[in-house]
Amino acid sequence: MSSIWNKAMYFLGLDDESRELDEHEVAATAPASEATGNAVEPPRGRRVEPPAGSRWRPANTEARVETVGVTQATAVRPVPGQESQAEIVVAADFADAQLLADHLRVRRAVVLDLRSTEPDTVRRLVDFASGITYALEGTMQKVAQGVILVAPARTALSEDELRRLADLGLYDLPD
């Protein structure tokens, strides 16, 4: 078992090539090499060196701790939901999923129009939208037949924006 461990360390560059074999390794390899008549070869691998221009620097070994006086606690206040204008994405194929994700990452609501998209692609896009909505803690709702509104967390659409979307046929206003 230690032989495998040593080979792994050597392969990862954590062990020197010129290390001396300890007594257990000599005893384990001696009969095998004598029986076959072949010389024992060191495990094959190469040493991995960091890139020449790397920015990594070893940390300072001297740790310094300063005690700062107790600061006055401040209250955390929730930020009210932002009203924004929705981006409209008419999905033609699955490549439009990246456009959806890009808008959500910069905290813009997206109206995803899937009415002219093939059923298999619709399923894939809805699955993708569900995943990214969950990851960004947003909301997702069906707002019309074949139309989905995907919004990031703490983002709401104004009544004017909902009316604009309804005029475009992308939102069913409640009666």
N, C-alpha and C. Protein backbone atom coordinates (compact mmCIF):
# COMPACT_ATOMS: atom_id res chain seq x y z
N MET A 1 0.82 -1.20 0.00
CA MET A 1 0.00 0.00 0.00
C MET A 1 0.86 1.25 0.00
N SER A 2 1.97 1.21 0.76
CA SER A 2 2.82 2.40 0.79
C SER A 2 3.46 2.62 -0.57
N SER A 3 3.65 1.56 -1.33
CA SER A 3 4.23 1.69 -2.66
C SER A 3 3.31 2.52 -3.56
N ILE A 4 2.03 2.26 -3.50
CA ILE A 4 1.07 3.03 -4.29
C ILE A 4 1.07 4.48 -3.82
N TRP A 5 1.09 4.66 -2.52
CA TRP A 5 1.12 6.01 -1.96
C TRP A 5 2.36 6.77 -2.42
N ASN A 6 3.52 6.13 -2.36
CA ASN A 6 4.77 6.77 -2.79
C ASN A 6 4.74 7.08 -4.28
N LYS A 7 4.19 6.17 -5.08
CA LYS A 7 4.09 6.42 -6.52
C LYS A 7 3.18 7.61 -6.80
N ALA A 8 2.09 7.70 -6.06
CA ALA A 8 1.17 8.83 -6.25
C ALA A 8 1.85 10.14 -5.86
N MET A 9 2.58 10.13 -4.75
CA MET A 9 3.28 11.35 -4.33
C MET A 9 4.33 11.74 -5.35
N TYR A 10 5.04 10.75 -5.91
CA TYR A 10 6.06 11.03 -6.91
C TYR A 10 5.41 11.59 -8.18
N PHE A 11 4.30 11.00 -8.59
CA PHE A 11 3.61 11.45 -9.80
C PHE A 11 3.12 12.89 -9.65
N LEU A 12 2.65 13.24 -8.47
CA LEU A 12 2.16 14.60 -8.22
C LEU A 12 3.28 15.59 -7.94
N GLY A 13 4.51 15.11 -7.89
CA GLY A 13 5.64 16.01 -7.68
C GLY A 13 5.85 16.37 -6.23
N LEU A 14 5.30 15.58 -5.33
CA LEU A 14 5.44 15.86 -3.90
C LEU A 14 6.59 15.10 -3.28
N ASP A 15 7.28 14.29 -4.06
CA ASP A 15 8.36 13.46 -3.56
C ASP A 15 9.56 13.65 -4.47
N ASP A 16 10.78 13.69 -3.90
CA ASP A 16 11.99 13.85 -4.71
C ASP A 16 12.27 12.60 -5.52
N GLU A 17 12.90 12.80 -6.69
CA GLU A 17 13.28 11.67 -7.53
C GLU A 17 14.42 10.89 -6.90
N SER A 18 15.28 11.57 -6.17
CA SER A 18 16.48 10.93 -5.64
C SER A 18 16.29 10.43 -4.21
N ARG A 19 15.06 10.18 -3.80
CA ARG A 19 14.85 9.72 -2.43
C ARG A 19 15.39 8.31 -2.27
N GLU A 20 15.78 8.00 -1.08
CA GLU A 20 16.33 6.67 -0.80
C GLU A 20 15.17 5.72 -0.49
N LEU A 21 15.26 4.51 -0.97
CA LEU A 21 14.26 3.51 -0.66
C LEU A 21 14.42 3.08 0.78
N ASP A 22 13.32 2.99 1.49
CA ASP A 22 13.44 2.53 2.87
C ASP A 22 13.53 1.00 2.88
N GLU A 23 13.74 0.43 4.05
CA GLU A 23 14.00 -1.00 4.16
C GLU A 23 12.84 -1.85 3.65
N HIS A 24 11.61 -1.39 3.86
CA HIS A 24 10.45 -2.17 3.42
C HIS A 24 10.38 -2.24 1.90
N GLU A 25 10.66 -1.14 1.23
CA GLU A 25 10.61 -1.13 -0.23
C GLU A 25 11.73 -1.98 -0.82
N VAL A 26 12.91 -1.95 -0.20
CA VAL A 26 14.03 -2.75 -0.69
C VAL A 26 13.69 -4.23 -0.56
N ALA A 27 13.12 -4.62 0.58
CA ALA A 27 12.77 -6.02 0.79
C ALA A 27 11.66 -6.45 -0.17
N ALA A 28 10.73 -5.57 -0.46
CA ALA A 28 9.61 -5.92 -1.33
C ALA A 28 10.04 -6.00 -2.79
N THR A 29 10.97 -5.16 -3.22
CA THR A 29 11.35 -5.14 -4.64
C THR A 29 12.51 -6.08 -4.96
N ALA A 30 13.31 -6.46 -3.99
CA ALA A 30 14.48 -7.29 -4.26
C ALA A 30 14.11 -8.65 -4.84
N PRO A 31 13.19 -9.43 -4.25
CA PRO A 31 12.89 -10.74 -4.84
C PRO A 31 12.28 -10.63 -6.24
N ALA A 32 11.47 -9.64 -6.48
CA ALA A 32 10.83 -9.51 -7.79
C ALA A 32 11.86 -9.21 -8.86
N SER A 33 12.83 -8.36 -8.55
CA SER A 33 13.82 -8.00 -9.56
C SER A 33 14.79 -9.15 -9.80
N GLU A 34 15.10 -9.92 -8.74
CA GLU A 34 16.00 -11.05 -8.92
C GLU A 34 15.34 -12.16 -9.71
N ALA A 35 14.03 -12.36 -9.49
CA ALA A 35 13.32 -13.45 -10.16
C ALA A 35 13.19 -13.18 -11.65
N THR A 36 12.94 -11.96 -12.03
CA THR A 36 12.75 -11.65 -13.45
C THR A 36 14.05 -11.27 -14.12
N GLY A 37 15.04 -10.87 -13.36
CA GLY A 37 16.32 -10.47 -13.92
C GLY A 37 16.31 -9.04 -14.45
N ASN A 38 15.22 -8.31 -14.25
CA ASN A 38 15.15 -6.92 -14.70
C ASN A 38 15.49 -5.99 -13.57
N ALA A 39 16.06 -4.88 -13.91
CA ALA A 39 16.36 -3.88 -12.89
C ALA A 39 15.07 -3.16 -12.51
N VAL A 40 14.98 -2.74 -11.27
CA VAL A 40 13.81 -2.03 -10.80
C VAL A 40 13.87 -0.60 -11.32
N GLU A 41 12.82 -0.19 -12.02
CA GLU A 41 12.76 1.18 -12.54
C GLU A 41 11.94 2.03 -11.59
N PRO A 42 12.34 3.28 -11.43
CA PRO A 42 11.53 4.16 -10.60
C PRO A 42 10.20 4.42 -11.30
N PRO A 43 9.17 4.77 -10.54
CA PRO A 43 7.87 5.03 -11.16
C PRO A 43 7.99 6.19 -12.16
N ARG A 44 7.22 6.08 -13.24
CA ARG A 44 7.29 7.12 -14.26
C ARG A 44 6.33 8.25 -13.90
N GLY A 45 6.75 9.43 -14.19
CA GLY A 45 5.98 10.63 -13.92
C GLY A 45 6.87 11.82 -14.11
N ARG A 46 6.32 12.97 -13.99
CA ARG A 46 7.15 14.16 -14.13
C ARG A 46 6.80 15.15 -13.05
N ARG A 47 7.74 15.94 -12.73
CA ARG A 47 7.56 16.94 -11.70
C ARG A 47 6.85 18.15 -12.31
N VAL A 48 5.85 18.65 -11.64
CA VAL A 48 5.09 19.79 -12.12
C VAL A 48 5.56 21.03 -11.39
N GLU A 49 6.02 22.00 -12.14
CA GLU A 49 6.49 23.25 -11.57
C GLU A 49 5.45 24.34 -11.83
N PRO A 50 5.30 25.31 -10.92
CA PRO A 50 4.35 26.40 -11.17
C PRO A 50 4.83 27.25 -12.34
N PRO A 51 3.92 27.92 -13.03
CA PRO A 51 4.31 28.76 -14.15
C PRO A 51 5.29 29.84 -13.70
N ALA A 52 6.16 30.24 -14.62
CA ALA A 52 7.21 31.20 -14.28
C ALA A 52 6.64 32.55 -13.86
N GLY A 53 5.61 32.99 -14.49
CA GLY A 53 5.08 34.32 -14.19
C GLY A 53 3.91 34.30 -13.23
N SER A 54 3.81 33.30 -12.38
CA SER A 54 2.64 33.23 -11.51
C SER A 54 2.67 34.34 -10.47
N ARG A 55 1.50 34.74 -10.07
CA ARG A 55 1.38 35.83 -9.10
C ARG A 55 1.36 35.32 -7.67
N TRP A 56 1.40 34.05 -7.48
CA TRP A 56 1.30 33.49 -6.15
C TRP A 56 2.57 33.78 -5.38
N ARG A 57 2.42 34.25 -4.19
CA ARG A 57 3.54 34.51 -3.30
C ARG A 57 3.25 33.81 -1.98
N PRO A 58 4.28 33.25 -1.36
CA PRO A 58 4.05 32.61 -0.06
C PRO A 58 3.59 33.65 0.96
N ALA A 59 2.72 33.23 1.84
CA ALA A 59 2.20 34.14 2.86
C ALA A 59 3.30 34.49 3.85
N ASN A 60 3.15 35.65 4.46
CA ASN A 60 4.09 36.08 5.47
C ASN A 60 3.98 35.13 6.66
N THR A 61 5.10 34.65 7.15
CA THR A 61 5.06 33.67 8.22
C THR A 61 4.80 34.30 9.58
N GLU A 62 5.02 35.58 9.70
CA GLU A 62 4.77 36.25 10.97
C GLU A 62 3.33 36.72 11.01
N ALA A 63 2.57 36.20 11.95
CA ALA A 63 1.18 36.59 12.07
C ALA A 63 1.07 37.73 13.08
N ARG A 64 0.35 38.76 12.71
CA ARG A 64 0.17 39.90 13.58
C ARG A 64 -1.32 40.10 13.81
N VAL A 65 -1.72 40.16 15.05
CA VAL A 65 -3.12 40.32 15.37
C VAL A 65 -3.29 41.63 16.12
N GLU A 66 -4.20 42.44 15.64
CA GLU A 66 -4.51 43.69 16.33
C GLU A 66 -5.94 43.62 16.81
N THR A 67 -6.16 44.06 18.02
CA THR A 67 -7.50 44.08 18.56
C THR A 67 -8.08 45.46 18.33
N VAL A 68 -9.21 45.49 17.70
CA VAL A 68 -9.87 46.74 17.41
C VAL A 68 -11.03 46.88 18.38
N GLY A 69 -11.28 48.09 18.81
CA GLY A 69 -12.37 48.33 19.75
C GLY A 69 -13.70 47.88 19.19
N VAL A 70 -14.64 47.63 20.07
CA VAL A 70 -15.96 47.16 19.67
C VAL A 70 -16.67 48.29 18.94
N THR A 71 -17.17 47.99 17.77
CA THR A 71 -17.90 49.00 17.00
C THR A 71 -19.38 48.91 17.34
N GLN A 72 -20.05 50.00 17.11
CA GLN A 72 -21.47 50.05 17.41
C GLN A 72 -22.22 49.25 16.34
N ALA A 73 -23.12 48.40 16.78
CA ALA A 73 -23.87 47.56 15.84
C ALA A 73 -24.85 48.41 15.04
N THR A 74 -24.96 48.12 13.77
CA THR A 74 -25.92 48.83 12.92
C THR A 74 -27.01 47.87 12.50
N ALA A 75 -28.18 48.40 12.32
CA ALA A 75 -29.31 47.57 11.91
C ALA A 75 -29.23 47.28 10.42
N VAL A 76 -29.57 46.08 10.07
CA VAL A 76 -29.61 45.70 8.66
C VAL A 76 -31.05 45.88 8.20
N ARG A 77 -31.22 46.70 7.19
CA ARG A 77 -32.57 46.96 6.68
C ARG A 77 -32.73 46.32 5.31
N PRO A 78 -33.83 45.64 5.10
CA PRO A 78 -34.03 45.03 3.78
C PRO A 78 -34.23 46.09 2.71
N VAL A 79 -33.72 45.82 1.54
CA VAL A 79 -33.89 46.72 0.42
C VAL A 79 -35.21 46.38 -0.25
N PRO A 80 -36.08 47.37 -0.45
CA PRO A 80 -37.35 47.05 -1.11
C PRO A 80 -37.10 46.59 -2.54
N GLY A 81 -38.05 45.85 -3.08
CA GLY A 81 -37.91 45.31 -4.43
C GLY A 81 -37.73 46.42 -5.46
N GLN A 82 -36.86 46.19 -6.39
CA GLN A 82 -36.62 47.17 -7.44
C GLN A 82 -37.62 46.93 -8.56
N GLU A 83 -38.16 48.02 -9.09
CA GLU A 83 -39.03 47.90 -10.25
C GLU A 83 -38.17 48.09 -11.48
N SER A 84 -38.30 47.17 -12.41
CA SER A 84 -37.44 47.24 -13.59
C SER A 84 -38.25 46.96 -14.84
N GLN A 85 -37.60 47.17 -15.96
CA GLN A 85 -38.21 46.87 -17.24
C GLN A 85 -37.73 45.48 -17.67
N ALA A 86 -38.63 44.68 -18.18
CA ALA A 86 -38.29 43.31 -18.56
C ALA A 86 -37.66 43.27 -19.94
N GLU A 87 -36.69 42.39 -20.08
CA GLU A 87 -36.10 42.11 -21.39
C GLU A 87 -36.93 41.01 -22.03
N ILE A 88 -37.16 41.12 -23.32
CA ILE A 88 -37.95 40.12 -24.03
C ILE A 88 -37.00 39.26 -24.86
N VAL A 89 -37.05 37.94 -24.62
CA VAL A 89 -36.22 37.00 -25.37
C VAL A 89 -37.16 36.06 -26.11
N VAL A 90 -37.15 36.14 -27.44
CA VAL A 90 -37.92 35.22 -28.26
C VAL A 90 -36.99 34.06 -28.60
N ALA A 91 -37.24 32.93 -27.98
CA ALA A 91 -36.32 31.80 -28.10
C ALA A 91 -36.51 31.09 -29.43
N ALA A 92 -35.41 30.95 -30.15
CA ALA A 92 -35.42 30.21 -31.41
C ALA A 92 -34.81 28.83 -31.21
N ASP A 93 -33.75 28.76 -30.41
CA ASP A 93 -33.10 27.49 -30.11
C ASP A 93 -32.47 27.57 -28.72
N PHE A 94 -31.80 26.50 -28.32
CA PHE A 94 -31.26 26.43 -26.96
C PHE A 94 -30.13 27.43 -26.72
N ALA A 95 -29.53 27.95 -27.77
CA ALA A 95 -28.45 28.93 -27.61
C ALA A 95 -28.97 30.21 -26.93
N ASP A 96 -30.27 30.44 -26.97
CA ASP A 96 -30.84 31.62 -26.32
C ASP A 96 -30.83 31.49 -24.79
N ALA A 97 -30.52 30.32 -24.28
CA ALA A 97 -30.43 30.13 -22.83
C ALA A 97 -29.32 30.99 -22.25
N GLN A 98 -28.24 31.17 -22.99
CA GLN A 98 -27.15 32.01 -22.50
C GLN A 98 -27.60 33.46 -22.38
N LEU A 99 -28.38 33.93 -23.33
CA LEU A 99 -28.91 35.30 -23.27
C LEU A 99 -29.80 35.47 -22.04
N LEU A 100 -30.62 34.47 -21.77
CA LEU A 100 -31.47 34.48 -20.57
C LEU A 100 -30.61 34.58 -19.31
N ALA A 101 -29.59 33.75 -19.23
CA ALA A 101 -28.73 33.74 -18.04
C ALA A 101 -27.98 35.05 -17.89
N ASP A 102 -27.51 35.62 -19.00
CA ASP A 102 -26.78 36.89 -18.93
C ASP A 102 -27.65 38.01 -18.37
N HIS A 103 -28.90 38.07 -18.80
CA HIS A 103 -29.81 39.10 -18.28
C HIS A 103 -30.10 38.88 -16.80
N LEU A 104 -30.31 37.64 -16.40
CA LEU A 104 -30.61 37.37 -14.99
C LEU A 104 -29.42 37.66 -14.09
N ARG A 105 -28.22 37.40 -14.58
CA ARG A 105 -27.03 37.65 -13.75
C ARG A 105 -26.83 39.13 -13.47
N VAL A 106 -27.30 40.00 -14.35
CA VAL A 106 -27.19 41.45 -14.09
C VAL A 106 -28.51 41.99 -13.54
N ARG A 107 -29.33 41.09 -12.98
CA ARG A 107 -30.54 41.42 -12.24
C ARG A 107 -31.60 42.11 -13.09
N ARG A 108 -31.83 41.60 -14.29
CA ARG A 108 -32.91 42.09 -15.16
C ARG A 108 -33.93 40.98 -15.34
N ALA A 109 -35.20 41.32 -15.22
CA ALA A 109 -36.26 40.35 -15.46
C ALA A 109 -36.32 40.03 -16.95
N VAL A 110 -36.71 38.79 -17.26
CA VAL A 110 -36.75 38.34 -18.65
C VAL A 110 -38.11 37.71 -18.93
N VAL A 111 -38.72 38.15 -20.04
CA VAL A 111 -39.92 37.51 -20.54
C VAL A 111 -39.46 36.57 -21.64
N LEU A 112 -39.64 35.28 -21.41
CA LEU A 112 -39.17 34.25 -22.33
C LEU A 112 -40.35 33.79 -23.19
N ASP A 113 -40.33 34.16 -24.47
CA ASP A 113 -41.40 33.82 -25.41
C ASP A 113 -41.04 32.50 -26.08
N LEU A 114 -41.80 31.46 -25.77
CA LEU A 114 -41.53 30.12 -26.28
C LEU A 114 -42.60 29.66 -27.29
N ARG A 115 -43.43 30.57 -27.76
CA ARG A 115 -44.56 30.18 -28.61
C ARG A 115 -44.13 29.61 -29.96
N SER A 116 -43.03 30.07 -30.51
CA SER A 116 -42.62 29.59 -31.84
C SER A 116 -41.44 28.62 -31.75
N THR A 117 -41.22 28.03 -30.58
CA THR A 117 -40.09 27.14 -30.36
C THR A 117 -40.56 25.69 -30.39
N GLU A 118 -39.71 24.79 -30.87
CA GLU A 118 -40.05 23.37 -30.93
C GLU A 118 -40.24 22.81 -29.51
N PRO A 119 -41.13 21.82 -29.34
CA PRO A 119 -41.42 21.28 -28.01
C PRO A 119 -40.20 20.75 -27.25
N ASP A 120 -39.29 20.06 -27.93
CA ASP A 120 -38.10 19.54 -27.23
C ASP A 120 -37.23 20.69 -26.71
N THR A 121 -37.10 21.73 -27.51
CA THR A 121 -36.30 22.89 -27.10
C THR A 121 -37.00 23.64 -25.98
N VAL A 122 -38.35 23.70 -26.03
CA VAL A 122 -39.11 24.36 -24.95
C VAL A 122 -38.82 23.66 -23.63
N ARG A 123 -38.84 22.33 -23.64
CA ARG A 123 -38.59 21.59 -22.40
C ARG A 123 -37.20 21.87 -21.87
N ARG A 124 -36.21 21.89 -22.76
CA ARG A 124 -34.83 22.15 -22.33
C ARG A 124 -34.69 23.57 -21.79
N LEU A 125 -35.31 24.54 -22.46
CA LEU A 125 -35.21 25.93 -22.00
C LEU A 125 -35.91 26.13 -20.66
N VAL A 126 -37.07 25.49 -20.49
CA VAL A 126 -37.78 25.61 -19.21
C VAL A 126 -36.96 24.97 -18.09
N ASP A 127 -36.34 23.82 -18.36
CA ASP A 127 -35.47 23.19 -17.36
C ASP A 127 -34.29 24.09 -17.01
N PHE A 128 -33.68 24.68 -18.02
CA PHE A 128 -32.55 25.58 -17.79
C PHE A 128 -33.00 26.80 -16.99
N ALA A 129 -34.14 27.38 -17.39
CA ALA A 129 -34.65 28.56 -16.68
C ALA A 129 -34.96 28.22 -15.22
N SER A 130 -35.51 27.03 -14.99
CA SER A 130 -35.79 26.61 -13.61
C SER A 130 -34.52 26.51 -12.80
N GLY A 131 -33.48 25.95 -13.39
CA GLY A 131 -32.22 25.80 -12.67
C GLY A 131 -31.56 27.12 -12.36
N ILE A 132 -31.51 28.02 -13.32
CA ILE A 132 -30.85 29.30 -13.06
C ILE A 132 -31.69 30.17 -12.12
N THR A 133 -33.01 30.03 -12.19
CA THR A 133 -33.87 30.76 -11.27
C THR A 133 -33.64 30.28 -9.84
N TYR A 134 -33.52 28.98 -9.67
CA TYR A 134 -33.24 28.43 -8.35
C TYR A 134 -31.87 28.89 -7.85
N ALA A 135 -30.88 28.83 -8.72
CA ALA A 135 -29.52 29.20 -8.32
C ALA A 135 -29.42 30.66 -7.93
N LEU A 136 -30.16 31.53 -8.59
CA LEU A 136 -30.10 32.96 -8.29
C LEU A 136 -31.21 33.40 -7.34
N GLU A 137 -31.95 32.43 -6.79
CA GLU A 137 -33.04 32.68 -5.84
C GLU A 137 -34.08 33.63 -6.41
N GLY A 138 -34.41 33.44 -7.66
CA GLY A 138 -35.39 34.29 -8.33
C GLY A 138 -36.76 33.65 -8.34
N THR A 139 -37.61 34.19 -9.22
CA THR A 139 -38.96 33.66 -9.38
C THR A 139 -39.22 33.38 -10.85
N MET A 140 -40.13 32.45 -11.09
CA MET A 140 -40.47 32.07 -12.45
C MET A 140 -41.96 31.78 -12.48
N GLN A 141 -42.67 32.40 -13.44
CA GLN A 141 -44.09 32.15 -13.53
C GLN A 141 -44.56 32.22 -14.97
N LYS A 142 -45.60 31.45 -15.26
CA LYS A 142 -46.20 31.46 -16.58
C LYS A 142 -47.15 32.65 -16.62
N VAL A 143 -46.95 33.56 -17.57
CA VAL A 143 -47.75 34.79 -17.63
C VAL A 143 -48.70 34.79 -18.81
N ALA A 144 -48.53 33.91 -19.75
CA ALA A 144 -49.42 33.75 -20.90
C ALA A 144 -49.13 32.38 -21.51
N GLN A 145 -49.95 31.98 -22.48
CA GLN A 145 -49.73 30.70 -23.13
C GLN A 145 -48.40 30.73 -23.87
N GLY A 146 -47.43 29.90 -23.44
CA GLY A 146 -46.12 29.83 -24.09
C GLY A 146 -45.18 30.95 -23.71
N VAL A 147 -45.50 31.71 -22.65
CA VAL A 147 -44.66 32.83 -22.21
C VAL A 147 -44.38 32.68 -20.72
N ILE A 148 -43.10 32.83 -20.36
CA ILE A 148 -42.67 32.69 -18.97
C ILE A 148 -41.95 33.95 -18.55
N LEU A 149 -42.26 34.43 -17.35
CA LEU A 149 -41.56 35.58 -16.77
C LEU A 149 -40.56 35.04 -15.75
N VAL A 150 -39.29 35.34 -15.96
CA VAL A 150 -38.22 34.90 -15.06
C VAL A 150 -37.61 36.16 -14.47
N ALA A 151 -37.64 36.28 -13.14
CA ALA A 151 -37.15 37.49 -12.49
C ALA A 151 -36.15 37.13 -11.39
N PRO A 152 -35.08 37.92 -11.26
CA PRO A 152 -34.13 37.68 -10.17
C PRO A 152 -34.77 38.03 -8.82
N ALA A 153 -34.10 37.67 -7.75
CA ALA A 153 -34.61 37.94 -6.40
C ALA A 153 -34.79 39.43 -6.19
N ARG A 154 -35.84 39.78 -5.45
CA ARG A 154 -36.15 41.16 -5.06
C ARG A 154 -36.29 42.10 -6.26
N THR A 155 -36.88 41.59 -7.33
CA THR A 155 -37.15 42.41 -8.51
C THR A 155 -38.61 42.24 -8.87
N ALA A 156 -39.28 43.36 -9.09
CA ALA A 156 -40.70 43.34 -9.45
C ALA A 156 -40.91 44.21 -10.67
N LEU A 157 -41.96 43.89 -11.42
CA LEU A 157 -42.30 44.70 -12.58
C LEU A 157 -43.42 45.67 -12.20
N SER A 158 -43.33 46.89 -12.68
CA SER A 158 -44.34 47.90 -12.37
C SER A 158 -45.62 47.60 -13.15
N GLU A 159 -46.71 48.24 -12.74
CA GLU A 159 -47.98 48.08 -13.44
C GLU A 159 -47.87 48.56 -14.88
N ASP A 160 -47.12 49.64 -15.09
CA ASP A 160 -46.93 50.15 -16.45
C ASP A 160 -46.21 49.12 -17.32
N GLU A 161 -45.21 48.47 -16.76
CA GLU A 161 -44.47 47.45 -17.52
C GLU A 161 -45.35 46.26 -17.82
N LEU A 162 -46.20 45.86 -16.87
CA LEU A 162 -47.11 44.75 -17.12
C LEU A 162 -48.11 45.11 -18.21
N ARG A 163 -48.60 46.35 -18.22
CA ARG A 163 -49.50 46.79 -19.29
C ARG A 163 -48.80 46.80 -20.64
N ARG A 164 -47.54 47.23 -20.66
CA ARG A 164 -46.77 47.23 -21.91
C ARG A 164 -46.63 45.80 -22.45
N LEU A 165 -46.33 44.86 -21.56
CA LEU A 165 -46.21 43.46 -21.96
C LEU A 165 -47.56 42.91 -22.43
N ALA A 166 -48.65 43.33 -21.78
CA ALA A 166 -49.98 42.89 -22.20
C ALA A 166 -50.31 43.43 -23.59
N ASP A 167 -49.93 44.66 -23.87
CA ASP A 167 -50.16 45.24 -25.20
C ASP A 167 -49.39 44.48 -26.28
N LEU A 168 -48.24 43.92 -25.92
CA LEU A 168 -47.44 43.13 -26.86
C LEU A 168 -47.94 41.69 -26.96
N GLY A 169 -48.94 41.32 -26.14
CA GLY A 169 -49.47 39.96 -26.15
C GLY A 169 -48.62 38.99 -25.36
N LEU A 170 -47.78 39.50 -24.47
CA LEU A 170 -46.88 38.65 -23.69
C LEU A 170 -47.31 38.50 -22.23
N TYR A 171 -48.45 39.09 -21.86
CA TYR A 171 -48.88 39.02 -20.47
C TYR A 171 -50.39 39.04 -20.44
N ASP A 172 -50.99 38.13 -19.71
CA ASP A 172 -52.44 38.09 -19.55
C ASP A 172 -52.80 38.83 -18.27
N LEU A 173 -53.38 40.03 -18.41
CA LEU A 173 -53.79 40.81 -17.24
C LEU A 173 -55.02 40.16 -16.61
N PRO A 174 -55.08 40.13 -15.27
CA PRO A 174 -56.28 39.58 -14.63
C PRO A 174 -57.47 40.52 -14.86
N ASP A 175 -58.64 39.92 -14.99
CA ASP A 175 -59.84 40.74 -15.25
C ASP A 175 -60.26 41.53 -14.06
